[in-house]
Amino acid sequence: MSFYKESLAGETDNYIHLRASAEGASPTDVLRKLTAEVTDTVRRIDAITSVDPGLAALWKRFFQASASCRVAAFLAPSVRV
């Protein structure tokens, strides 16, 4: 989400643009690729932690809290999380 805000502001000194430059790809292609990589990673962590209910619950709480912080920061940019 910060990439979206940075793009609107015309900022290019960020991970997506740097990776796009290094890979010779467009920022949009890198964002799509990164989204797929993160989704795959979350699915792998879900699979790994599923063998232990306590660990799975801990992972889900961490993931949900992390996602909530990101969304809150995006919706209320004046609030630092």
Protein backbone atom coordinates (compact mmCIF):
# COMPACT_ATOMS: atom_id res chain seq x y z
CA MET A 1 0.00 0.00 0.00
CA SER A 2 2.86 2.40 0.62
CA PHE A 3 3.99 1.77 -2.97
CA TYR A 4 0.61 3.09 -4.13
CA LYS A 5 0.98 6.24 -2.03
CA GLU A 6 4.60 6.69 -3.15
CA SER A 7 3.58 6.31 -6.79
CA LEU A 8 0.90 8.96 -6.41
CA ALA A 9 3.55 11.27 -4.94
CA GLY A 10 5.94 10.52 -7.83
CA GLU A 11 8.49 8.83 -5.56
CA THR A 12 10.72 6.24 -7.20
CA ASP A 13 13.31 5.60 -4.49
CA ASN A 14 11.64 2.46 -3.18
CA TYR A 15 11.99 -1.31 -3.31
CA ILE A 16 9.61 -1.80 -6.25
CA HIS A 17 11.36 0.71 -8.51
CA LEU A 18 14.84 -0.45 -7.50
CA ARG A 19 13.93 -4.07 -8.17
CA ALA A 20 12.28 -3.13 -11.46
CA SER A 21 15.47 -1.41 -12.54
CA ALA A 22 17.60 -4.38 -11.50
CA GLU A 23 15.35 -6.87 -13.29
CA GLY A 24 14.69 -4.74 -16.36
CA ALA A 25 10.96 -4.94 -15.69
CA SER A 26 8.19 -2.44 -15.16
CA PRO A 27 7.22 -1.49 -11.60
CA THR A 28 3.76 -2.95 -12.27
CA ASP A 29 5.25 -6.30 -13.29
CA VAL A 30 7.47 -6.32 -10.20
CA LEU A 31 4.50 -5.50 -7.97
CA ARG A 32 2.53 -8.39 -9.48
CA LYS A 33 5.50 -10.73 -9.05
CA LEU A 34 6.07 -9.60 -5.47
CA THR A 35 2.38 -10.10 -4.67
CA ALA A 36 2.62 -13.69 -5.94
CA GLU A 37 5.82 -14.27 -3.93
CA VAL A 38 4.25 -12.97 -0.71
CA THR A 39 1.09 -15.01 -1.28
CA ASP A 40 3.20 -18.12 -1.83
CA THR A 41 5.21 -17.43 1.32
CA VAL A 42 2.07 -17.01 3.42
CA ARG A 43 0.69 -20.29 2.07
CA ARG A 44 3.96 -22.07 2.91
CA ILE A 45 3.97 -20.66 6.44
CA ASP A 46 0.32 -21.72 6.83
CA ALA A 47 1.25 -25.26 5.77
CA ILE A 48 4.30 -25.42 8.05
CA THR A 49 2.50 -24.10 11.12
CA SER A 50 -0.63 -26.20 10.55
CA VAL A 51 1.02 -29.21 12.23
CA ASP A 52 0.99 -27.36 15.57
CA PRO A 53 -2.33 -25.68 16.51
CA GLY A 54 -0.62 -23.33 18.98
CA LEU A 55 1.97 -22.24 16.44
CA ALA A 56 -0.71 -21.86 13.77
CA ALA A 57 -2.75 -19.62 16.08
CA LEU A 58 0.31 -17.53 16.91
CA TRP A 59 1.16 -17.11 13.21
CA LYS A 60 -2.41 -16.11 12.34
CA ARG A 61 -2.49 -13.50 15.15
CA PHE A 62 0.86 -12.10 14.00
CA PHE A 63 -0.24 -11.96 10.36
CA GLN A 64 -3.58 -10.33 11.18
CA ALA A 65 -1.95 -7.76 13.48
CA SER A 66 0.67 -6.94 10.87
CA ALA A 67 -1.93 -6.57 8.13
CA SER A 68 -4.13 -4.43 10.39
CA CYS A 69 -1.24 -2.06 11.08
CA ARG A 70 -0.53 -1.68 7.37
CA VAL A 71 -4.16 -0.97 6.54
CA ALA A 72 -4.47 1.51 9.40
CA ALA A 73 -1.32 3.32 8.27
CA PHE A 74 -2.66 3.51 4.72
CA LEU A 75 -6.07 4.80 5.74
CA ALA A 76 -4.78 7.30 8.27
CA PRO A 77 -1.38 8.48 7.00
CA SER A 78 -1.03 11.01 9.80
CA VAL A 79 -1.07 8.18 12.35
CA ARG A 80 2.31 6.47 12.77
CA VAL A 81 2.08 2.75 13.49
